[in-house]
Protein backbone atom coordinates (compact mmCIF):
# COMPACT_ATOMS: atom_id res chain seq x y z
CA MET A 1 0.00 0.00 0.00
CA SER A 2 2.83 2.38 0.88
CA LEU A 3 4.37 1.74 -2.58
CA TRP A 4 1.17 2.86 -4.29
CA LEU A 5 1.04 5.96 -2.10
CA LEU A 6 4.60 6.80 -3.06
CA ARG A 7 3.75 6.37 -6.74
CA ILE A 8 0.70 8.60 -6.43
CA LYS A 9 2.78 11.19 -4.60
CA GLY A 10 5.40 11.01 -7.36
CA TYR A 11 2.78 11.63 -10.03
CA LEU A 12 1.16 14.52 -8.14
CA PHE A 13 4.46 16.14 -7.12
CA PRO A 14 6.98 15.43 -9.93
CA HIS A 15 9.36 18.12 -8.66
CA ALA A 16 12.34 15.71 -8.61
CA ALA A 17 12.37 15.67 -12.44
CA GLU A 18 12.98 19.42 -12.49
CA HIS A 19 16.22 19.02 -10.57
CA ASP A 20 17.66 18.40 -14.03
CA PRO A 21 18.57 21.94 -15.24
CA GLU A 22 18.00 21.05 -18.90
CA PHE A 23 14.53 19.65 -18.24
CA LEU A 24 13.67 22.66 -16.07
CA ARG A 25 14.73 24.90 -18.94
CA GLU A 26 12.43 22.94 -21.27
CA VAL A 27 9.53 23.29 -18.83
CA ARG A 28 10.09 27.03 -18.57
CA ARG A 29 10.25 27.36 -22.35
CA LEU A 30 6.92 25.55 -22.73
CA SER A 31 5.45 27.64 -19.90
CA VAL A 32 6.32 30.82 -21.80
CA VAL A 33 4.60 29.38 -24.86
CA SER A 34 1.56 28.65 -22.67
CA LEU A 35 1.38 32.34 -21.70
CA TYR A 36 0.96 33.30 -25.35
CA VAL A 37 -1.59 30.53 -25.91
CA ILE A 38 -3.65 31.50 -22.85
CA ALA A 39 -3.42 35.19 -23.80
CA GLY A 40 -4.91 34.36 -27.21
CA VAL A 41 -7.64 32.14 -25.76
CA THR A 42 -8.46 34.70 -23.06
CA LEU A 43 -8.93 37.36 -25.71
CA CYS A 44 -10.89 35.16 -28.12
CA MET A 45 -13.31 33.51 -25.65
CA PRO A 46 -15.44 36.60 -24.80
CA LEU A 47 -15.31 37.87 -28.37
CA ILE A 48 -16.54 34.54 -29.75
CA SER A 49 -19.23 34.34 -27.05
CA ILE A 50 -20.52 37.85 -27.82
CA LEU A 51 -20.47 37.17 -31.56
CA PHE A 52 -22.36 33.88 -31.05
CA HIS A 53 -25.11 35.53 -29.03
CA ARG A 54 -25.39 38.37 -31.54
CA LEU A 55 -25.88 35.90 -34.38
CA THR A 56 -28.31 33.66 -32.50
CA SER A 57 -30.37 36.73 -31.49
CA ILE A 58 -31.30 37.11 -35.14
CA PHE A 59 -33.28 33.87 -34.94
CA GLU A 60 -34.07 33.89 -31.21
CA PRO A 61 -34.21 37.46 -29.89
CA LEU A 62 -32.71 37.89 -26.43
CA PRO A 63 -31.93 41.09 -24.53
CA MET A 64 -28.17 41.60 -24.41
CA VAL A 65 -26.56 43.02 -21.31
CA SER A 66 -23.57 45.29 -21.77
CA LEU A 67 -20.50 43.53 -20.41
CA ASN A 68 -17.92 46.00 -21.56
CA TRP A 69 -16.19 45.80 -18.18
CA MET A 70 -15.62 42.09 -18.66
CA LEU A 71 -14.35 42.52 -22.22
CA LEU A 72 -11.93 45.23 -21.11
CA SER A 73 -10.78 43.00 -18.24
CA PHE A 74 -9.98 40.16 -20.62
CA ILE A 75 -8.09 42.51 -22.94
CA ALA A 76 -6.06 43.78 -19.97
CA LEU A 77 -5.38 40.22 -18.78
CA SER A 78 -4.21 39.16 -22.25
CA ALA A 79 -1.91 42.17 -22.47
CA ALA A 80 -0.49 41.40 -19.00
CA LEU A 81 0.29 37.82 -20.04
CA VAL A 82 2.09 38.97 -23.18
CA VAL A 83 4.12 41.48 -21.15
CA ALA A 84 4.98 38.76 -18.60
CA ALA A 85 6.15 36.47 -21.42
CA ARG A 86 8.55 39.19 -22.59
CA THR A 87 10.16 39.95 -19.22
CA ARG A 88 12.88 37.97 -17.50
CA PHE A 89 10.89 37.63 -14.27
CA GLY A 90 7.76 36.61 -16.16
CA ARG A 91 9.59 33.94 -18.17
CA ARG A 92 11.14 32.55 -15.01
CA HIS A 93 7.74 32.23 -13.32
CA ALA A 94 5.66 31.69 -16.46
CA ARG A 95 3.90 28.58 -15.12
CA LYS A 96 2.68 30.41 -12.03
CA PHE A 97 1.46 33.34 -14.12
CA ALA A 98 -0.41 30.94 -16.42
CA LEU A 99 -2.14 29.16 -13.50
CA VAL A 100 -3.12 32.43 -11.80
CA SER A 101 -4.46 33.77 -15.09
CA GLY A 102 -6.64 30.66 -15.36
CA PHE A 103 -8.21 31.42 -11.98
CA ILE A 104 -8.73 35.09 -12.91
CA THR A 105 -10.34 34.06 -16.21
CA ALA A 106 -12.72 31.69 -14.44
CA ALA A 107 -13.60 34.41 -11.90
CA LEU A 108 -14.35 36.98 -14.62
CA LEU A 109 -16.46 34.50 -16.59
CA THR A 110 -18.38 33.51 -13.45
CA TRP A 111 -19.30 37.08 -12.47
CA GLY A 112 -19.96 38.06 -16.06
CA THR A 113 -22.45 35.19 -16.40
CA PHE A 114 -24.13 35.82 -13.02
CA SER A 115 -24.54 39.55 -13.67
CA ALA A 116 -26.19 38.98 -17.05
CA ASP A 117 -29.87 39.75 -17.58
CA ALA A 118 -32.32 37.46 -15.78
CA SER A 119 -33.74 36.37 -19.13
CA PHE A 120 -30.36 34.92 -20.06
CA PRO A 121 -30.96 31.13 -20.01
CA ASP A 122 -29.04 28.56 -17.92
CA ARG A 123 -26.63 30.98 -16.30
CA VAL A 124 -25.41 28.56 -13.62
CA PRO A 125 -24.72 25.64 -16.01
CA SER A 126 -23.05 28.09 -18.42
CA SER A 127 -20.77 29.40 -15.67
CA ILE A 128 -19.82 25.86 -14.65
CA LEU A 129 -19.13 25.00 -18.29
CA ASN A 130 -16.81 28.02 -18.49
CA ILE A 131 -14.78 26.62 -15.59
CA VAL A 132 -14.52 23.26 -17.36
CA VAL A 133 -13.22 25.00 -20.49
CA VAL A 134 -10.64 26.94 -18.48
CA LEU A 135 -9.45 23.71 -16.82
CA LEU A 136 -9.11 21.93 -20.16
CA VAL A 137 -7.14 24.84 -21.65
CA ALA A 138 -4.85 24.80 -18.60
CA VAL A 139 -4.17 21.07 -18.95
CA ALA A 140 -3.52 21.35 -22.68
CA ALA A 141 -1.32 24.46 -22.58
CA ILE A 142 0.57 24.48 -19.27
CA PRO A 143 3.29 21.93 -18.34
CA ALA A 144 1.85 21.96 -14.81
CA TRP A 145 2.20 19.50 -11.99
CA PRO A 146 -0.99 17.46 -11.47
CA ILE A 147 -1.33 18.85 -7.94
CA GLN A 148 -1.36 22.36 -9.41
CA ILE A 149 -4.26 21.46 -11.71
CA LEU A 150 -6.07 19.84 -8.78
CA LEU A 151 -5.64 22.99 -6.68
CA LEU A 152 -6.67 25.22 -9.59
CA GLY A 153 -9.85 23.20 -10.13
CA GLY A 154 -10.63 23.21 -6.41
CA ALA A 155 -10.01 26.96 -6.14
CA MET A 156 -12.29 27.72 -9.10
CA SER A 157 -15.06 25.46 -7.73
CA THR A 158 -14.84 27.09 -4.30
CA PHE A 159 -14.89 30.58 -5.81
CA HIS A 160 -17.89 29.65 -7.95
CA TRP A 161 -19.80 28.34 -4.93
CA PHE A 162 -19.24 31.49 -2.83
CA SER A 163 -20.00 33.68 -5.85
CA ALA A 164 -23.24 31.76 -6.44
CA LYS A 165 -24.30 32.28 -2.80
CA LEU A 166 -23.64 36.03 -3.12
CA ALA A 167 -25.47 36.17 -6.45
CA VAL A 168 -28.48 34.47 -4.83
CA GLU A 169 -28.54 37.06 -2.03
CA MET A 170 -28.40 39.83 -4.66
CA GLY A 171 -31.32 38.25 -6.49
CA TRP A 172 -29.40 37.57 -9.68
CA ILE A 173 -29.90 33.80 -9.79
CA GLU A 174 -31.95 31.08 -8.18
CA PRO A 175 -30.43 29.03 -5.31
CA VAL A 176 -27.80 26.56 -6.50
CA SER A 177 -27.69 23.00 -5.19
CA LEU A 178 -24.38 21.57 -3.99
CA HIS A 179 -25.11 18.54 -6.14
CA SER A 180 -24.49 20.74 -9.18
CA TYR A 181 -20.78 20.66 -8.35
CA ALA A 182 -20.50 16.88 -8.49
CA GLY A 183 -19.84 17.00 -12.23
CA LEU A 184 -17.29 19.81 -11.78
CA ASP A 185 -15.42 17.79 -9.15
CA ALA A 186 -15.32 14.81 -11.49
CA VAL A 187 -13.96 16.99 -14.29
CA THR A 188 -11.29 18.37 -11.92
CA MET A 189 -10.14 14.85 -11.03
CA LEU A 190 -10.12 13.88 -14.71
CA CYS A 191 -8.05 16.96 -15.60
CA THR A 192 -5.64 16.11 -12.77
CA ALA A 193 -5.14 12.64 -14.24
CA LEU A 194 -4.67 14.11 -17.72
CA ALA A 195 -2.08 16.55 -16.33
CA ALA A 196 -0.17 13.61 -14.80
CA VAL A 197 -0.14 11.77 -18.13
CA SER A 198 0.84 14.91 -20.05
CA TYR A 199 3.70 15.73 -17.66
CA GLN A 200 5.04 12.17 -17.74
CA ARG A 201 4.93 12.16 -21.54
CA LEU A 202 6.88 15.40 -21.57
CA LEU A 203 9.46 13.85 -19.23
CA TRP A 204 9.71 10.64 -21.27
CA ALA A 205 10.10 12.59 -24.50
CA TYR A 206 12.87 14.69 -22.95
CA ARG A 207 14.74 11.64 -21.66
CA ALA A 208 14.35 9.83 -24.99
CA ARG A 209 15.70 12.88 -26.80
CA GLN A 210 18.66 13.12 -24.42
CA GLN A 211 19.37 9.42 -24.89
CA ASP A 212 19.19 9.82 -28.65
CA VAL A 213 21.59 12.74 -28.57
CA ALA A 214 24.00 10.78 -26.35
CA THR A 215 23.82 7.76 -28.66
CA GLN A 216 24.41 9.81 -31.78
CA SER A 217 27.25 11.67 -30.09
CA ARG A 218 28.94 8.39 -29.20
CA LEU A 219 28.50 7.23 -32.79
CA LEU A 220 30.15 10.34 -34.16
CA VAL A 221 32.94 10.18 -31.59
CA THR A 222 33.53 6.52 -32.52
CA GLU A 223 33.96 7.58 -36.13
CA ASN A 224 36.35 10.25 -34.94
CA ALA A 225 38.41 7.60 -33.12
CA ALA A 226 39.27 6.08 -36.50
CA THR A 227 40.40 9.51 -37.64
CA LEU A 228 42.57 9.78 -34.55
CA GLY A 229 44.15 6.46 -35.51
CA ARG A 230 45.08 7.88 -38.88
CA PHE A 231 46.41 10.95 -37.14
CA ALA A 232 48.65 8.72 -35.02
CA GLY A 233 50.31 7.51 -38.22
CA THR A 234 50.77 11.06 -39.44
CA LEU A 235 52.04 12.08 -36.04
CA SER A 236 54.69 9.35 -36.01
CA HIS A 237 55.89 10.58 -39.40
CA GLU A 238 56.07 14.18 -38.18
CA LEU A 239 57.97 13.08 -35.08
CA ASN A 240 60.45 10.93 -37.00
CA ASN A 241 61.74 13.83 -39.11
CA PRO A 242 62.84 16.21 -36.33
CA ILE A 243 64.05 13.30 -34.19
CA GLY A 244 66.24 12.15 -37.09
CA VAL A 245 67.58 15.68 -37.54
CA ILE A 246 68.42 16.06 -33.84
CA SER A 247 70.08 12.64 -33.80
CA SER A 248 72.19 13.63 -36.82
CA VAL A 249 73.11 16.96 -35.20
CA VAL A 250 74.24 15.28 -32.01
CA ASP A 251 76.33 12.81 -34.00
CA SER A 252 77.90 15.63 -36.02
CA LEU A 253 78.67 17.66 -32.90
CA GLN A 254 80.36 14.66 -31.39
CA LYS A 255 82.54 14.19 -34.49
CA ILE A 256 83.42 17.89 -34.57
CA GLU A 257 84.43 17.77 -30.93
CA GLU A 258 86.65 14.73 -31.58
CA LYS A 259 88.18 16.37 -34.64
CA SER A 260 88.96 19.57 -32.77
CA ILE A 261 90.76 17.60 -30.06
CA ASP A 262 92.69 15.24 -32.36
CA SER A 263 93.66 17.43 -35.30
CA GLY A 264 93.78 20.91 -33.88
CA ALA A 265 91.51 22.27 -36.61
CA GLN A 266 90.71 25.99 -36.86
CA PRO A 267 88.52 26.96 -33.92
CA GLU A 268 86.62 29.65 -35.92
CA ARG A 269 85.54 27.23 -38.63
CA LEU A 270 84.51 24.56 -36.11
CA GLY A 271 82.68 27.18 -34.07
CA GLY A 272 80.65 28.22 -37.09
CA MET A 273 79.73 24.61 -37.81
CA ARG A 274 78.67 24.16 -34.19
CA ARG A 275 76.43 27.24 -34.34
CA GLU A 276 74.74 26.03 -37.57
CA LEU A 277 74.18 22.61 -36.09
CA ILE A 278 72.78 24.08 -32.87
CA GLU A 279 70.37 26.30 -34.85
CA THR A 280 69.25 23.25 -36.87
CA ALA A 281 68.73 21.30 -33.65
CA GLN A 282 66.79 24.23 -32.14
CA ALA A 283 64.50 24.42 -35.20
CA SER A 284 63.84 20.68 -34.97
CA ALA A 285 63.17 20.99 -31.25
CA ASP A 286 60.64 23.77 -31.97
CA GLN A 287 58.98 21.52 -34.53
CA LEU A 288 58.82 18.74 -31.96
CA SER A 289 57.31 21.14 -29.43
CA GLN A 290 54.57 22.11 -31.91
CA VAL A 291 53.81 18.47 -32.62
CA VAL A 292 53.65 17.68 -28.89
CA ASP A 293 51.32 20.67 -28.28
CA ARG A 294 49.02 19.45 -31.01
CA MET A 295 49.13 15.93 -29.63
CA GLN A 296 48.21 17.22 -26.16
CA ARG A 297 45.29 19.19 -27.52
CA LEU A 298 43.99 16.22 -29.45
CA THR A 299 44.53 13.89 -26.50
CA ASN A 300 42.49 16.35 -24.47
CA LEU A 301 39.58 15.84 -26.85
CA ASP A 302 38.58 12.61 -25.15
CA ARG A 303 37.36 14.67 -22.22
CA ALA A 304 33.60 15.16 -22.49
CA GLU A 305 33.32 18.32 -20.38
CA THR A 306 32.93 21.80 -21.77
CA LEU A 307 36.22 23.64 -22.26
CA ALA A 308 37.48 26.99 -23.51
CA VAL A 309 38.84 26.32 -27.01
CA ASP A 310 40.91 28.39 -29.39
CA LEU A 311 38.91 28.04 -32.60
CA ASP A 312 41.85 28.61 -34.95
CA GLU A 313 43.85 25.85 -33.24
CA LEU A 314 40.84 23.52 -33.31
CA LEU A 315 40.38 23.98 -37.07
CA ARG A 316 44.06 23.32 -37.76
CA ASP A 317 44.15 20.30 -35.45
CA VAL A 318 41.09 18.79 -37.10
CA THR A 319 42.65 19.32 -40.53
CA ALA A 320 45.83 17.59 -39.34
CA MET A 321 43.75 14.52 -38.39
CA LEU A 322 42.47 13.97 -41.94
CA LYS A 323 43.82 11.44 -44.39
CA PRO A 324 46.88 12.76 -46.26
CA GLU A 325 45.01 12.98 -49.57
CA ALA A 326 42.19 14.93 -47.91
CA ARG A 327 44.51 17.14 -45.85
CA LYS A 328 46.31 18.39 -48.97
CA LYS A 329 43.02 19.70 -50.43
CA VAL A 330 42.05 21.89 -47.45
CA ARG A 331 42.71 25.63 -47.60
CA ILE A 332 42.23 27.33 -44.24
CA GLU A 333 41.24 31.00 -43.95
CA THR A 334 40.58 32.43 -40.49
CA SER A 335 40.22 35.89 -39.03
CA ASP A 336 42.72 37.25 -36.51
CA GLU A 337 39.82 38.28 -34.24
CA LEU A 338 38.25 34.87 -33.69
CA PRO A 339 37.07 34.51 -30.06
CA SER A 340 37.62 31.54 -27.82
CA LEU A 341 34.53 29.34 -27.64
CA THR A 342 33.13 27.35 -24.76
CA LEU A 343 32.20 23.95 -26.16
CA LYS A 344 32.84 20.21 -25.98
CA PRO A 345 36.00 19.84 -28.10
CA GLN A 346 35.62 16.10 -28.64
CA GLN A 347 32.17 16.46 -30.15
CA MET A 348 32.88 19.58 -32.19
CA SER A 349 36.11 18.06 -33.51
CA ALA A 350 34.12 15.04 -34.69
CA VAL A 351 31.55 17.33 -36.39
CA LEU A 352 34.16 19.35 -38.30
CA SER A 353 36.15 16.23 -39.20
CA ARG A 354 33.05 14.62 -40.72
CA LEU A 355 32.19 17.75 -42.71
CA LEU A 356 35.73 18.00 -44.08
CA GLU A 357 35.81 14.31 -45.00
CA ARG A 358 32.52 14.64 -46.85
CA ALA A 359 33.72 17.78 -48.67
CA SER A 360 36.94 16.01 -49.68
CA ASP A 361 35.06 12.95 -50.93
CA VAL A 362 32.62 14.91 -53.12
CA SER A 363 35.34 17.26 -54.46
CA GLY A 364 37.13 14.44 -56.23
CA ALA A 365 40.83 13.98 -56.78
CA GLU A 366 41.48 17.47 -58.19
CA GLY A 367 38.93 19.49 -56.23
CA ALA A 368 39.78 21.75 -53.29
CA VAL A 369 38.08 22.26 -49.92
CA GLU A 370 37.82 25.69 -48.34
CA LEU A 371 37.69 25.89 -44.53
CA SER A 372 37.08 29.36 -43.14
CA ALA A 373 35.83 30.97 -39.95
CA ARG A 374 34.71 34.47 -39.05
CA GLN A 375 32.85 36.29 -36.29
CA THR A 376 29.58 37.97 -37.22
CA ASN A 377 26.51 39.28 -35.37
CA GLY A 378 27.25 37.68 -32.03
CA SER A 379 28.13 34.30 -33.49
CA VAL A 380 30.98 32.48 -35.21
CA GLU A 381 30.49 31.02 -38.68
CA ILE A 382 32.59 28.04 -39.75
CA ARG A 383 32.27 27.43 -43.49
CA VAL A 384 33.22 24.23 -45.33
CA ALA A 385 32.96 24.63 -49.10
CA ASP A 386 33.58 21.85 -51.63
CA GLU A 387 33.96 21.66 -55.39
CA GLY A 388 31.66 18.72 -55.96
CA ARG A 389 28.52 18.65 -58.04
CA PRO A 390 25.74 21.15 -57.21
CA LEU A 391 23.03 19.91 -54.83
CA SER A 392 19.35 20.32 -55.58
CA ALA A 393 17.01 21.87 -53.00
CA LYS A 394 15.67 18.40 -52.15
CA GLU A 395 19.19 17.01 -51.67
CA ARG A 396 20.18 19.92 -49.44
CA GLN A 397 17.10 19.42 -47.31
CA ALA A 398 17.77 15.69 -46.92
CA LEU A 399 21.54 15.99 -46.33
CA PHE A 400 21.23 15.99 -42.53
CA GLU A 401 18.27 13.62 -42.31
CA PRO A 402 18.85 9.93 -41.45
CA ALA A 403 17.89 7.54 -44.23
CA PHE A 404 18.53 4.09 -45.62
CA ALA A 405 20.30 3.12 -48.83
CA VAL A 406 20.95 -0.13 -50.71
CA ARG A 407 24.58 -1.02 -51.40
CA ASP A 408 25.78 -4.38 -52.75
CA GLY A 409 22.34 -5.84 -52.14
CA ARG A 410 22.35 -4.81 -48.45
CA VAL A 411 20.32 -2.11 -46.69
CA ILE A 412 22.64 0.31 -44.91
CA GLY A 413 22.19 3.54 -42.97
CA ALA A 414 22.87 6.83 -44.75
CA ASN A 415 23.53 10.36 -43.46
CA TRP A 416 23.60 9.18 -39.84
CA SER A 417 26.90 10.89 -39.06
CA LEU A 418 25.68 14.17 -40.62
CA PHE A 419 22.43 13.84 -38.68
CA SER A 420 24.48 13.42 -35.50
CA ALA A 421 26.59 16.42 -36.45
CA ARG A 422 23.53 18.63 -36.68
CA ARG A 423 22.22 17.42 -33.33
CA ILE A 424 25.58 18.16 -31.66
CA VAL A 425 25.71 21.66 -33.15
CA GLN A 426 22.15 22.32 -31.95
CA GLU A 427 23.06 21.07 -28.47
CA HIS A 428 25.83 23.70 -28.48
CA GLY A 429 23.20 26.38 -29.11
CA GLY A 430 24.05 26.77 -32.79
CA ASP A 431 22.71 25.67 -36.14
CA ILE A 432 23.99 24.19 -39.38
CA GLU A 433 22.82 24.73 -42.94
CA VAL A 434 23.88 23.90 -46.47
CA ARG A 435 23.50 25.95 -49.63
CA SER A 436 24.48 25.46 -53.24
CA ARG A 437 27.42 27.34 -54.78
CA GLY A 438 25.92 27.28 -58.24
CA LYS A 439 28.10 25.15 -60.51
CA SER A 440 30.97 24.75 -58.03
CA GLY A 441 29.56 22.48 -55.33
CA ALA A 442 28.00 23.15 -51.95
CA GLU A 443 28.80 25.12 -48.80
CA VAL A 444 28.02 23.93 -45.26
CA THR A 445 27.92 26.65 -42.57
CA VAL A 446 28.11 25.93 -38.84
CA ARG A 447 27.04 28.82 -36.60
CA LEU A 448 27.99 28.79 -32.92
CA PRO A 449 27.29 31.43 -30.24
CA SER A 450 30.40 33.52 -29.61
CA ALA A 451 29.81 34.57 -26.00
CA PRO A 452 33.19 35.41 -24.45
CA VAL A 453 34.72 32.83 -22.15
CA ARG A 454 34.81 33.98 -18.53
């Protein structure tokens, strides 16, 4: 029994889910959307009701009571919701504003219906129906906790009951039986259950999306591991050259030293040779230092946390990881004013590596690949342009969509790595798009926010 109580409590009070900052951000985003939705419904409901009664009065005449005060109140409430949705405080507490506006809407509709002309038919059932509509809109629009919907329904029912008693004393309506609220209580419980289902679906969808992003990120990083393997081969080649030079310099210095001792050669000539050899060794040591720095940066890419990254270095390191035939095609153009970016280097390295590999593949043996970056309008644009065949609008639209293809009689996945690349860029707060370059291939642009690293 206690297990069931705990489950019911978890459904009514799902606050633990919002300990996840990303999910809380999603809830707040949807709550802001709900403010706009409720503002529109709040404005449309009285207008539609007035229009309906005006039209029906043509066939069934009925005295119309002026309810300008109520119409003005709804307009003011809608405006207040829009203002709240555009302020920082309002966006932070959007869910609370939406729930309070639901209660205010129900209160206005209740008093507007009760104060109507006595000839207005079925005022009490109409006012109860208005509360039901408000509850349904709240469940559909607000990512609310079930307990919040339960309290909202209870508050509106209680307000309606006290308002009905006051309206009876004022002679506006006939006495209202408590049994009339049985249906409203049932609707409140039903809306509470619907809110629980809706909130859990939102949570499941968020977790499924996060799992999908994690899976696709691992897939792209796995592909990048193969690129790192190729880079290891390139790295060994780059290391062998300066190591060979330094070894030769040391051997030559040793021979010079022996010659100077044994033969008494001219000290000036031997000194000049020593200086040349030392300069050669120093240049090779500098080359080794650059290779080691690059290796450290790339080794650091296996860390999944967010880091401050020099974009120019990242682009050059990613280019160095490509296959030799692809690396020779890439022309890099960067601005001197590129900012440091806060991102996950492992993931972004995998994204750029995949885009460069694709551009190299479609450019053919003689085609070139242009890699450039610039800062513009609060963001950084990384452009990868190829010299392959032009892409149609349909091909550009489908480039980052997962699909299936048939190769050698087998069904294989297609575009999955590019699909993953787009998801990673979006998770970094950016976007990615592709456009045609006319007759000279396509251009893929990655935009990332360029907020300064603190």
